[in-house]
């Protein structure tokens, strides 16, 4: 019911909208005020067969940024069935040829072939890194921008893909290092960093670097540590930040904080276990561990004592 329309016959303001007939009529005298109206509020529910009755929609799937054509083109499936679900008993050779030409038409130029290959690699590398769909879509969007500005020319597609994934991780505060990305690609850490810096300057991609705290949850999860151990490691890192002790890469200090937290909470994890997860050496953990001890934090402290401890 709406009060924005007035009946021209009885001046009644109670006008009813009939979505089935696409018309407005007066609730008192029944005069049709307007017909042929477009319904913007409800999807189309016309039923053509039993399958349509189940899904109740004919609007199709939403666009997918991870496909070169965003999923808006048509596709002939490999199942020999028609739109109503019936088995196709005609010329199967003709259907096969139509399907083959449809695949060729979908990827018709060099840019679409480039995007198809790159998006496949983004999905493959992201699966190995355990990245969520949000990061994959963000990486595909960054790669599209690079293609649009012709930044791919003269560079390896895999290198630009790796740089896009790294940029997507940084933009969404998902900590992944260049070493981790390089491990799952054929590109060195140095080349990925060079491509990322070039893309950042060309596409105006300026993201905040990952902090030590960003890595704590992931490392503690991989080490199967308790929540209290993870929280204690974050408290230690906060003390280190207040003392401006974190310099350079954050991985070493993160690993040392986790090692100190394990000792405070009596969870047995060796330096070797933590170094393998954090991708740092045991020597680095020991050096950063001594830096933490220099603040007056020791493994004999309790969690409550650590919370109120003052930086020396």
C-alpha atoms as a PDB file:
ATOM      1  CA  UNK A   1       0.000   0.000   0.000  1.00  0.00           C
ATOM      2  CA  UNK A   2       1.224   3.473  -0.830  1.00  0.00           C
ATOM      3  CA  UNK A   3       0.003   7.035  -0.054  1.00  0.00           C
ATOM      4  CA  UNK A   4       1.874   8.818  -2.842  1.00  0.00           C
ATOM      5  CA  UNK A   5      -0.964   8.278  -5.365  1.00  0.00           C
ATOM      6  CA  UNK A   6      -4.507   9.674  -5.296  1.00  0.00           C
ATOM      7  CA  UNK A   7      -7.597   8.173  -6.972  1.00  0.00           C
ATOM      8  CA  UNK A   8      -8.876  10.554  -9.717  1.00  0.00           C
ATOM      9  CA  UNK A   9     -12.526   9.516  -9.097  1.00  0.00           C
ATOM     10  CA  UNK A  10     -13.007   9.476  -5.316  1.00  0.00           C
ATOM     11  CA  UNK A  11      -9.805  11.278  -4.222  1.00  0.00           C
ATOM     12  CA  UNK A  12      -8.943   8.316  -1.991  1.00  0.00           C
ATOM     13  CA  UNK A  13      -5.309   8.075  -1.006  1.00  0.00           C
ATOM     14  CA  UNK A  14      -5.367   4.348  -0.203  1.00  0.00           C
ATOM     15  CA  UNK A  15      -3.950   2.899  -3.408  1.00  0.00           C
ATOM     16  CA  UNK A  16      -3.035  -0.785  -3.619  1.00  0.00           C
ATOM     17  CA  UNK A  17      -0.295  -2.221  -5.818  1.00  0.00           C
ATOM     18  CA  UNK A  18      -1.067  -5.558  -7.515  1.00  0.00           C
ATOM     19  CA  UNK A  19       2.280  -7.109  -8.505  1.00  0.00           C
ATOM     20  CA  UNK A  20       0.667 -10.045 -10.339  1.00  0.00           C
ATOM     21  CA  UNK A  21      -1.266  -7.772 -12.718  1.00  0.00           C
ATOM     22  CA  UNK A  22       1.303  -4.928 -12.658  1.00  0.00           C
ATOM     23  CA  UNK A  23      -1.247  -2.257 -11.809  1.00  0.00           C
ATOM     24  CA  UNK A  24      -2.324   0.204  -9.111  1.00  0.00           C
ATOM     25  CA  UNK A  25      -6.023   0.421  -8.115  1.00  0.00           C
ATOM     26  CA  UNK A  26      -8.088   2.309  -5.568  1.00  0.00           C
ATOM     27  CA  UNK A  27      -9.048   0.356  -2.437  1.00  0.00           C
ATOM     28  CA  UNK A  28     -12.480   2.085  -2.177  1.00  0.00           C
ATOM     29  CA  UNK A  29     -13.943   2.319  -5.691  1.00  0.00           C
ATOM     30  CA  UNK A  30     -11.647  -0.191  -7.468  1.00  0.00           C
ATOM     31  CA  UNK A  31     -10.627   2.151 -10.298  1.00  0.00           C
ATOM     32  CA  UNK A  32      -7.373   1.127 -11.989  1.00  0.00           C
ATOM     33  CA  UNK A  33      -5.125   4.178 -11.680  1.00  0.00           C
ATOM     34  CA  UNK A  34      -2.074   2.860 -13.547  1.00  0.00           C
ATOM     35  CA  UNK A  35      -1.283  -0.384 -15.365  1.00  0.00           C
ATOM     36  CA  UNK A  36       1.738  -1.951 -17.059  1.00  0.00           C
ATOM     37  CA  UNK A  37       3.972  -1.040 -14.123  1.00  0.00           C
ATOM     38  CA  UNK A  38       7.470  -2.450 -13.784  1.00  0.00           C
ATOM     39  CA  UNK A  39       8.102  -4.389 -10.590  1.00  0.00           C
ATOM     40  CA  UNK A  40      11.576  -3.576  -9.274  1.00  0.00           C
ATOM     41  CA  UNK A  41      11.089  -5.304  -5.910  1.00  0.00           C
ATOM     42  CA  UNK A  42      10.586  -8.970  -6.785  1.00  0.00           C
ATOM     43  CA  UNK A  43      12.380 -11.406  -9.131  1.00  0.00           C
ATOM     44  CA  UNK A  44      10.589 -13.075 -12.025  1.00  0.00           C
ATOM     45  CA  UNK A  45       8.642 -16.139 -10.868  1.00  0.00           C
ATOM     46  CA  UNK A  46       7.029 -17.344 -14.079  1.00  0.00           C
ATOM     47  CA  UNK A  47       7.068 -21.137 -14.209  1.00  0.00           C
ATOM     48  CA  UNK A  48       7.795 -22.895 -17.488  1.00  0.00           C
ATOM     49  CA  UNK A  49       8.396 -26.446 -16.268  1.00  0.00           C
ATOM     50  CA  UNK A  50       9.045 -28.490 -13.143  1.00  0.00           C
ATOM     51  CA  UNK A  51      12.692 -27.403 -12.935  1.00  0.00           C
ATOM     52  CA  UNK A  52      11.690 -23.725 -12.971  1.00  0.00           C
ATOM     53  CA  UNK A  53       9.214 -24.393 -10.192  1.00  0.00           C
ATOM     54  CA  UNK A  54      12.093 -25.566  -7.972  1.00  0.00           C
ATOM     55  CA  UNK A  55      14.495 -22.684  -8.467  1.00  0.00           C
ATOM     56  CA  UNK A  56      11.877 -19.889  -9.016  1.00  0.00           C
ATOM     57  CA  UNK A  57      14.318 -17.586 -10.786  1.00  0.00           C
ATOM     58  CA  UNK A  58      15.396 -16.776 -14.349  1.00  0.00           C
ATOM     59  CA  UNK A  59      17.923 -14.062 -13.627  1.00  0.00           C
ATOM     60  CA  UNK A  60      21.062 -16.220 -13.996  1.00  0.00           C
ATOM     61  CA  UNK A  61      24.208 -16.210 -11.896  1.00  0.00           C
ATOM     62  CA  UNK A  62      26.054 -13.063 -10.853  1.00  0.00           C
ATOM     63  CA  UNK A  63      29.216 -11.907 -12.593  1.00  0.00           C
ATOM     64  CA  UNK A  64      32.482 -13.519 -11.538  1.00  0.00           C
ATOM     65  CA  UNK A  65      35.573 -11.306 -11.556  1.00  0.00           C
ATOM     66  CA  UNK A  66      37.792 -14.429 -11.544  1.00  0.00           C
ATOM     67  CA  UNK A  67      36.779 -15.288 -15.133  1.00  0.00           C
ATOM     68  CA  UNK A  68      38.198 -13.441 -18.122  1.00  0.00           C
ATOM     69  CA  UNK A  69      34.685 -12.595 -19.400  1.00  0.00           C
ATOM     70  CA  UNK A  70      33.283 -12.192 -15.840  1.00  0.00           C
ATOM     71  CA  UNK A  71      31.026 -15.196 -16.483  1.00  0.00           C
ATOM     72  CA  UNK A  72      28.646 -13.213 -18.693  1.00  0.00           C
ATOM     73  CA  UNK A  73      29.100 -15.262 -21.874  1.00  0.00           C
ATOM     74  CA  UNK A  74      27.141 -18.374 -22.785  1.00  0.00           C
ATOM     75  CA  UNK A  75      28.492 -21.887 -22.406  1.00  0.00           C
ATOM     76  CA  UNK A  76      27.492 -25.236 -23.906  1.00  0.00           C
ATOM     77  CA  UNK A  77      27.900 -27.847 -21.186  1.00  0.00           C
ATOM     78  CA  UNK A  78      29.410 -31.286 -21.741  1.00  0.00           C
ATOM     79  CA  UNK A  79      26.252 -33.062 -20.612  1.00  0.00           C
ATOM     80  CA  UNK A  80      24.151 -34.058 -23.642  1.00  0.00           C
ATOM     81  CA  UNK A  81      20.965 -32.526 -22.245  1.00  0.00           C
ATOM     82  CA  UNK A  82      18.853 -29.608 -23.405  1.00  0.00           C
ATOM     83  CA  UNK A  83      17.639 -26.639 -21.354  1.00  0.00           C
ATOM     84  CA  UNK A  84      14.656 -28.590 -20.007  1.00  0.00           C
ATOM     85  CA  UNK A  85      16.870 -31.472 -18.853  1.00  0.00           C
ATOM     86  CA  UNK A  86      15.886 -33.861 -21.634  1.00  0.00           C
ATOM     87  CA  UNK A  87      18.461 -36.105 -23.309  1.00  0.00           C
ATOM     88  CA  UNK A  88      19.625 -34.895 -26.731  1.00  0.00           C
ATOM     89  CA  UNK A  89      19.207 -37.794 -29.175  1.00  0.00           C
ATOM     90  CA  UNK A  90      20.011 -35.921 -32.376  1.00  0.00           C
ATOM     91  CA  UNK A  91      23.312 -35.338 -34.161  1.00  0.00           C
ATOM     92  CA  UNK A  92      25.875 -35.525 -31.353  1.00  0.00           C
ATOM     93  CA  UNK A  93      28.696 -34.695 -33.772  1.00  0.00           C
ATOM     94  CA  UNK A  94      27.050 -31.361 -34.543  1.00  0.00           C
ATOM     95  CA  UNK A  95      26.665 -30.595 -30.829  1.00  0.00           C
ATOM     96  CA  UNK A  96      30.338 -31.426 -30.330  1.00  0.00           C
ATOM     97  CA  UNK A  97      31.351 -28.998 -33.094  1.00  0.00           C
ATOM     98  CA  UNK A  98      29.136 -26.275 -31.620  1.00  0.00           C
ATOM     99  CA  UNK A  99      30.706 -26.828 -28.228  1.00  0.00           C
ATOM    100  CA  UNK A 100      34.223 -26.624 -29.715  1.00  0.00           C
ATOM    101  CA  UNK A 101      33.524 -23.369 -31.567  1.00  0.00           C
ATOM    102  CA  UNK A 102      31.861 -21.920 -28.504  1.00  0.00           C
ATOM    103  CA  UNK A 103      35.083 -22.450 -26.539  1.00  0.00           C
ATOM    104  CA  UNK A 104      37.073 -20.782 -29.299  1.00  0.00           C
ATOM    105  CA  UNK A 105      34.720 -17.820 -29.512  1.00  0.00           C
ATOM    106  CA  UNK A 106      34.837 -17.199 -25.748  1.00  0.00           C
ATOM    107  CA  UNK A 107      38.615 -16.663 -25.969  1.00  0.00           C
ATOM    108  CA  UNK A 108      38.981 -14.744 -29.201  1.00  0.00           C
ATOM    109  CA  UNK A 109      42.055 -12.499 -28.774  1.00  0.00           C
ATOM    110  CA  UNK A 110      45.441 -12.306 -27.044  1.00  0.00           C
ATOM    111  CA  UNK A 111      44.167 -10.272 -24.082  1.00  0.00           C
ATOM    112  CA  UNK A 112      41.490 -12.823 -23.228  1.00  0.00           C
ATOM    113  CA  UNK A 113      44.005 -15.669 -23.535  1.00  0.00           C
ATOM    114  CA  UNK A 114      46.339 -13.769 -21.222  1.00  0.00           C
ATOM    115  CA  UNK A 115      43.597 -13.226 -18.632  1.00  0.00           C
ATOM    116  CA  UNK A 116      42.453 -16.845 -18.835  1.00  0.00           C
ATOM    117  CA  UNK A 117      45.950 -18.187 -18.177  1.00  0.00           C
ATOM    118  CA  UNK A 118      46.711 -15.604 -15.465  1.00  0.00           C
ATOM    119  CA  UNK A 119      43.468 -16.182 -13.550  1.00  0.00           C
ATOM    120  CA  UNK A 120      44.054 -19.928 -13.625  1.00  0.00           C
ATOM    121  CA  UNK A 121      47.500 -19.373 -12.109  1.00  0.00           C
ATOM    122  CA  UNK A 122      46.095 -16.997  -9.487  1.00  0.00           C
ATOM    123  CA  UNK A 123      43.581 -19.630  -8.418  1.00  0.00           C
ATOM    124  CA  UNK A 124      46.254 -22.345  -8.360  1.00  0.00           C
ATOM    125  CA  UNK A 125      48.799 -20.341  -6.331  1.00  0.00           C
ATOM    126  CA  UNK A 126      46.129 -19.026  -3.964  1.00  0.00           C
ATOM    127  CA  UNK A 127      44.981 -22.594  -3.275  1.00  0.00           C
ATOM    128  CA  UNK A 128      48.534 -23.593  -2.342  1.00  0.00           C
ATOM    129  CA  UNK A 129      48.807 -20.572  -0.036  1.00  0.00           C
ATOM    130  CA  UNK A 130      45.385 -21.207   1.507  1.00  0.00           C
ATOM    131  CA  UNK A 131      44.036 -17.767   0.571  1.00  0.00           C
ATOM    132  CA  UNK A 132      40.291 -17.002   0.757  1.00  0.00           C
ATOM    133  CA  UNK A 133      38.145 -16.042  -2.215  1.00  0.00           C
ATOM    134  CA  UNK A 134      38.301 -12.346  -1.311  1.00  0.00           C
ATOM    135  CA  UNK A 135      42.071 -12.303  -1.891  1.00  0.00           C
ATOM    136  CA  UNK A 136      41.716 -14.157  -5.203  1.00  0.00           C
ATOM    137  CA  UNK A 137      39.142 -11.696  -6.484  1.00  0.00           C
ATOM    138  CA  UNK A 138      41.281  -8.757  -5.354  1.00  0.00           C
ATOM    139  CA  UNK A 139      44.334 -10.233  -7.128  1.00  0.00           C
ATOM    140  CA  UNK A 140      42.313 -10.693 -10.328  1.00  0.00           C
ATOM    141  CA  UNK A 141      41.144  -7.078 -10.142  1.00  0.00           C
ATOM    142  CA  UNK A 142      44.716  -5.815  -9.722  1.00  0.00           C
ATOM    143  CA  UNK A 143      45.876  -7.958 -12.640  1.00  0.00           C
ATOM    144  CA  UNK A 144      43.074  -6.572 -14.831  1.00  0.00           C
ATOM    145  CA  UNK A 145      44.250  -3.048 -14.040  1.00  0.00           C
ATOM    146  CA  UNK A 146      47.814  -4.024 -14.973  1.00  0.00           C
ATOM    147  CA  UNK A 147      46.632  -5.439 -18.309  1.00  0.00           C
ATOM    148  CA  UNK A 148      44.534  -2.347 -18.984  1.00  0.00           C
ATOM    149  CA  UNK A 149      47.583  -0.106 -18.462  1.00  0.00           C
ATOM    150  CA  UNK A 150      49.749  -2.417 -20.597  1.00  0.00           C
ATOM    151  CA  UNK A 151      52.121  -3.246 -17.722  1.00  0.00           C
ATOM    152  CA  UNK A 152      52.404  -6.899 -18.785  1.00  0.00           C
ATOM    153  CA  UNK A 153      54.426  -6.231 -21.925  1.00  0.00           C
ATOM    154  CA  UNK A 154      58.011  -7.430 -21.534  1.00  0.00           C
ATOM    155  CA  UNK A 155      57.362  -9.155 -18.212  1.00  0.00           C
ATOM    156  CA  UNK A 156      56.600 -12.697 -17.167  1.00  0.00           C
ATOM    157  CA  UNK A 157      52.908 -13.418 -16.617  1.00  0.00           C
ATOM    158  CA  UNK A 158      53.724 -15.509 -13.535  1.00  0.00           C
ATOM    159  CA  UNK A 159      55.772 -12.640 -12.058  1.00  0.00           C
ATOM    160  CA  UNK A 160      52.881 -10.199 -12.487  1.00  0.00           C
ATOM    161  CA  UNK A 161      50.488 -12.818 -11.063  1.00  0.00           C
ATOM    162  CA  UNK A 162      52.728 -13.234  -8.006  1.00  0.00           C
ATOM    163  CA  UNK A 163      52.966  -9.459  -7.583  1.00  0.00           C
ATOM    164  CA  UNK A 164      49.171  -9.168  -7.820  1.00  0.00           C
ATOM    165  CA  UNK A 165      48.673 -11.826  -5.139  1.00  0.00           C
ATOM    166  CA  UNK A 166      51.192 -10.109  -2.857  1.00  0.00           C
ATOM    167  CA  UNK A 167      49.462  -6.745  -3.384  1.00  0.00           C
ATOM    168  CA  UNK A 168      46.052  -8.315  -2.690  1.00  0.00           C
ATOM    169  CA  UNK A 169      47.351  -9.838   0.555  1.00  0.00           C
ATOM    170  CA  UNK A 170      48.730  -6.510   1.734  1.00  0.00           C
ATOM    171  CA  UNK A 171      45.579  -4.601   0.797  1.00  0.00           C
ATOM    172  CA  UNK A 172      43.408  -6.983   2.857  1.00  0.00           C
ATOM    173  CA  UNK A 173      45.833  -7.344   5.810  1.00  0.00           C
ATOM    174  CA  UNK A 174      46.403 -11.042   5.126  1.00  0.00           C
ATOM    175  CA  UNK A 175      50.061 -11.662   6.012  1.00  0.00           C
ATOM    176  CA  UNK A 176      51.990 -13.550   3.345  1.00  0.00           C
ATOM    177  CA  UNK A 177      55.686 -12.995   2.770  1.00  0.00           C
ATOM    178  CA  UNK A 178      57.510 -12.816  -0.549  1.00  0.00           C
ATOM    179  CA  UNK A 179      59.334 -16.015   0.425  1.00  0.00           C
ATOM    180  CA  UNK A 180      56.033 -17.910   0.742  1.00  0.00           C
ATOM    181  CA  UNK A 181      54.774 -16.688  -2.625  1.00  0.00           C
ATOM    182  CA  UNK A 182      58.127 -17.391  -4.315  1.00  0.00           C
ATOM    183  CA  UNK A 183      58.087 -20.918  -2.899  1.00  0.00           C
ATOM    184  CA  UNK A 184      54.946 -21.760  -4.888  1.00  0.00           C
ATOM    185  CA  UNK A 185      55.989 -20.054  -8.125  1.00  0.00           C
ATOM    186  CA  UNK A 186      58.909 -20.279 -10.527  1.00  0.00           C
ATOM    187  CA  UNK A 187      59.894 -16.687  -9.747  1.00  0.00           C
ATOM    188  CA  UNK A 188      62.509 -15.556  -7.252  1.00  0.00           C
ATOM    189  CA  UNK A 189      61.715 -13.337  -4.293  1.00  0.00           C
ATOM    190  CA  UNK A 190      63.790 -10.531  -5.810  1.00  0.00           C
ATOM    191  CA  UNK A 191      61.862 -10.548  -9.107  1.00  0.00           C
ATOM    192  CA  UNK A 192      58.470 -10.616  -7.342  1.00  0.00           C
ATOM    193  CA  UNK A 193      59.478  -7.637  -5.210  1.00  0.00           C
ATOM    194  CA  UNK A 194      60.677  -5.729  -8.277  1.00  0.00           C
ATOM    195  CA  UNK A 195      57.421  -6.364 -10.159  1.00  0.00           C
ATOM    196  CA  UNK A 196      55.339  -5.429  -7.109  1.00  0.00           C
ATOM    197  CA  UNK A 197      57.170  -2.118  -6.672  1.00  0.00           C
ATOM    198  CA  UNK A 198      56.696  -1.317 -10.365  1.00  0.00           C
ATOM    199  CA  UNK A 199      52.972  -2.145 -10.187  1.00  0.00           C
ATOM    200  CA  UNK A 200      52.574  -0.165  -6.967  1.00  0.00           C
ATOM    201  CA  UNK A 201      54.053   2.964  -8.534  1.00  0.00           C
ATOM    202  CA  UNK A 202      52.151   2.570 -11.829  1.00  0.00           C
ATOM    203  CA  UNK A 203      48.747   1.694 -10.320  1.00  0.00           C
ATOM    204  CA  UNK A 204      49.070   3.828  -7.160  1.00  0.00           C
ATOM    205  CA  UNK A 205      48.978   0.793  -4.882  1.00  0.00           C
ATOM    206  CA  UNK A 206      50.223   2.049  -1.543  1.00  0.00           C
ATOM    207  CA  UNK A 207      49.415  -0.344   1.297  1.00  0.00           C
ATOM    208  CA  UNK A 208      50.651  -0.471   4.860  1.00  0.00           C
ATOM    209  CA  UNK A 209      53.298  -3.166   5.418  1.00  0.00           C
ATOM    210  CA  UNK A 210      52.370  -6.192   7.518  1.00  0.00           C
ATOM    211  CA  UNK A 211      53.103  -5.831  11.211  1.00  0.00           C
ATOM    212  CA  UNK A 212      54.398  -8.484  13.590  1.00  0.00           C
ATOM    213  CA  UNK A 213      50.949  -8.956  15.132  1.00  0.00           C
ATOM    214  CA  UNK A 214      49.489  -9.890  11.747  1.00  0.00           C
ATOM    215  CA  UNK A 215      51.538 -13.098  11.753  1.00  0.00           C
ATOM    216  CA  UNK A 216      50.900 -14.224  15.333  1.00  0.00           C
ATOM    217  CA  UNK A 217      47.499 -15.863  14.804  1.00  0.00           C
ATOM    218  CA  UNK A 218      48.608 -17.802  11.724  1.00  0.00           C
ATOM    219  CA  UNK A 219      51.857 -19.050  13.254  1.00  0.00           C
ATOM    220  CA  UNK A 220      50.133 -20.070  16.510  1.00  0.00           C
ATOM    221  CA  UNK A 221      47.456 -21.894  14.521  1.00  0.00           C
ATOM    222  CA  UNK A 222      50.062 -23.847  12.537  1.00  0.00           C
ATOM    223  CA  UNK A 223      51.872 -24.712  15.785  1.00  0.00           C
ATOM    224  CA  UNK A 224      48.561 -25.803  17.422  1.00  0.00           C
ATOM    225  CA  UNK A 225      49.032 -23.482  20.395  1.00  0.00           C
ATOM    226  CA  UNK A 226      46.375 -22.500  22.914  1.00  0.00           C
ATOM    227  CA  UNK A 227      44.588 -19.143  22.736  1.00  0.00           C
ATOM    228  CA  UNK A 228      46.247 -17.935  25.930  1.00  0.00           C
ATOM    229  CA  UNK A 229      49.667 -18.546  24.357  1.00  0.00           C
ATOM    230  CA  UNK A 230      48.664 -16.541  21.300  1.00  0.00           C
ATOM    231  CA  UNK A 231      47.381 -13.675  23.468  1.00  0.00           C
ATOM    232  CA  UNK A 232      50.580 -13.711  25.542  1.00  0.00           C
ATOM    233  CA  UNK A 233      52.700 -13.461  22.386  1.00  0.00           C
ATOM    234  CA  UNK A 234      50.686 -10.400  21.322  1.00  0.00           C
ATOM    235  CA  UNK A 235      51.285  -8.793  24.717  1.00  0.00           C
ATOM    236  CA  UNK A 236      55.019  -9.390  24.372  1.00  0.00           C
ATOM    237  CA  UNK A 237      54.996  -7.846  20.908  1.00  0.00           C
ATOM    238  CA  UNK A 238      53.117  -4.835  22.249  1.00  0.00           C
ATOM    239  CA  UNK A 239      55.824  -4.330  24.877  1.00  0.00           C
ATOM    240  CA  UNK A 240      58.464  -4.572  22.142  1.00  0.00           C
ATOM    241  CA  UNK A 241      56.652  -1.977  20.018  1.00  0.00           C
ATOM    242  CA  UNK A 242      56.458   0.406  22.986  1.00  0.00           C
ATOM    243  CA  UNK A 243      60.214   0.041  23.394  1.00  0.00           C
ATOM    244  CA  UNK A 244      60.691   0.493  19.618  1.00  0.00           C
ATOM    245  CA  UNK A 245      62.513  -2.797  19.530  1.00  0.00           C
ATOM    246  CA  UNK A 246      60.944  -4.088  16.319  1.00  0.00           C
ATOM    247  CA  UNK A 247      63.152  -3.094  13.402  1.00  0.00           C
ATOM    248  CA  UNK A 248      63.448  -4.513   9.922  1.00  0.00           C
ATOM    249  CA  UNK A 249      61.433  -7.631   9.136  1.00  0.00           C
ATOM    250  CA  UNK A 250      58.754  -8.567  11.686  1.00  0.00           C
ATOM    251  CA  UNK A 251      59.115 -12.362  11.370  1.00  0.00           C
ATOM    252  CA  UNK A 252      62.098 -12.746  13.708  1.00  0.00           C
ATOM    253  CA  UNK A 253      60.501 -10.804  16.557  1.00  0.00           C
ATOM    254  CA  UNK A 254      57.192 -12.628  16.019  1.00  0.00           C
ATOM    255  CA  UNK A 255      58.918 -16.023  16.246  1.00  0.00           C
ATOM    256  CA  UNK A 256      60.838 -15.012  19.373  1.00  0.00           C
ATOM    257  CA  UNK A 257      57.669 -13.687  21.049  1.00  0.00           C
ATOM    258  CA  UNK A 258      55.883 -16.961  20.351  1.00  0.00           C
ATOM    259  CA  UNK A 259      58.853 -18.903  21.770  1.00  0.00           C
ATOM    260  CA  UNK A 260      58.836 -16.770  24.932  1.00  0.00           C
ATOM    261  CA  UNK A 261      55.050 -17.163  25.227  1.00  0.00           C
ATOM    262  CA  UNK A 262      55.370 -20.952  24.974  1.00  0.00           C
ATOM    263  CA  UNK A 263      57.820 -20.961  27.873  1.00  0.00           C
ATOM    264  CA  UNK A 264      55.613 -18.703  30.005  1.00  0.00           C
ATOM    265  CA  UNK A 265      52.538 -20.894  29.396  1.00  0.00           C
ATOM    266  CA  UNK A 266      54.494 -24.178  29.617  1.00  0.00           C
ATOM    267  CA  UNK A 267      53.829 -25.347  26.053  1.00  0.00           C
ATOM    268  CA  UNK A 268      56.696 -27.322  24.626  1.00  0.00           C
ATOM    269  CA  UNK A 269      57.710 -25.982  21.216  1.00  0.00           C
ATOM    270  CA  UNK A 270      61.338 -26.026  20.124  1.00  0.00           C
ATOM    271  CA  UNK A 271      63.118 -23.239  18.288  1.00  0.00           C
ATOM    272  CA  UNK A 272      63.334 -25.558  15.300  1.00  0.00           C
ATOM    273  CA  UNK A 273      59.541 -26.016  15.201  1.00  0.00           C
ATOM    274  CA  UNK A 274      58.938 -22.274  15.324  1.00  0.00           C
ATOM    275  CA  UNK A 275      61.681 -21.470  12.799  1.00  0.00           C
ATOM    276  CA  UNK A 276      60.154 -23.838  10.241  1.00  0.00           C
ATOM    277  CA  UNK A 277      56.743 -22.196  10.556  1.00  0.00           C
ATOM    278  CA  UNK A 278      58.034 -18.599  10.596  1.00  0.00           C
ATOM    279  CA  UNK A 279      60.651 -19.166   7.851  1.00  0.00           C
ATOM    280  CA  UNK A 280      63.476 -17.728   9.955  1.00  0.00           C
ATOM    281  CA  UNK A 281      66.630 -19.316  11.324  1.00  0.00           C
ATOM    282  CA  UNK A 282      67.065 -20.533  14.890  1.00  0.00           C
ATOM    283  CA  UNK A 283      69.895 -18.028  15.313  1.00  0.00           C
ATOM    284  CA  UNK A 284      67.495 -15.184  14.536  1.00  0.00           C
ATOM    285  CA  UNK A 285      65.042 -16.476  17.149  1.00  0.00           C
ATOM    286  CA  UNK A 286      67.791 -16.637  19.785  1.00  0.00           C
ATOM    287  CA  UNK A 287      69.014 -13.104  19.002  1.00  0.00           C
ATOM    288  CA  UNK A 288      65.500 -11.618  19.134  1.00  0.00           C
ATOM    289  CA  UNK A 289      64.844 -13.648  22.305  1.00  0.00           C
ATOM    290  CA  UNK A 290      67.779 -11.887  24.000  1.00  0.00           C
ATOM    291  CA  UNK A 291      66.356  -8.541  22.894  1.00  0.00           C
ATOM    292  CA  UNK A 292      63.055  -9.395  24.586  1.00  0.00           C
ATOM    293  CA  UNK A 293      64.897 -10.405  27.768  1.00  0.00           C
ATOM    294  CA  UNK A 294      66.690  -7.043  27.740  1.00  0.00           C
ATOM    295  CA  UNK A 295      63.287  -5.412  28.387  1.00  0.00           C
ATOM    296  CA  UNK A 296      62.964  -7.253  31.683  1.00  0.00           C
ATOM    297  CA  UNK A 297      60.618  -9.940  30.315  1.00  0.00           C
ATOM    298  CA  UNK A 298      61.543 -13.480  31.323  1.00  0.00           C
ATOM    299  CA  UNK A 299      60.122 -16.964  30.987  1.00  0.00           C
ATOM    300  CA  UNK A 300      59.574 -17.117  34.768  1.00  0.00           C
ATOM    301  CA  UNK A 301      56.883 -14.418  34.568  1.00  0.00           C
ATOM    302  CA  UNK A 302      53.209 -15.215  34.785  1.00  0.00           C
ATOM    303  CA  UNK A 303      50.690 -13.799  32.325  1.00  0.00           C
ATOM    304  CA  UNK A 304      49.401 -11.330  34.944  1.00  0.00           C
ATOM    305  CA  UNK A 305      52.917 -10.140  35.747  1.00  0.00           C
ATOM    306  CA  UNK A 306      53.590  -9.629  32.054  1.00  0.00           C
ATOM    307  CA  UNK A 307      50.496  -7.440  31.682  1.00  0.00           C
ATOM    308  CA  UNK A 308      51.601  -5.020  34.394  1.00  0.00           C
ATOM    309  CA  UNK A 309      55.338  -5.225  33.697  1.00  0.00           C
ATOM    310  CA  UNK A 310      57.042  -1.920  32.930  1.00  0.00           C
ATOM    311  CA  UNK A 311      59.637  -1.669  30.200  1.00  0.00           C
ATOM    312  CA  UNK A 312      63.073  -1.345  31.670  1.00  0.00           C
END
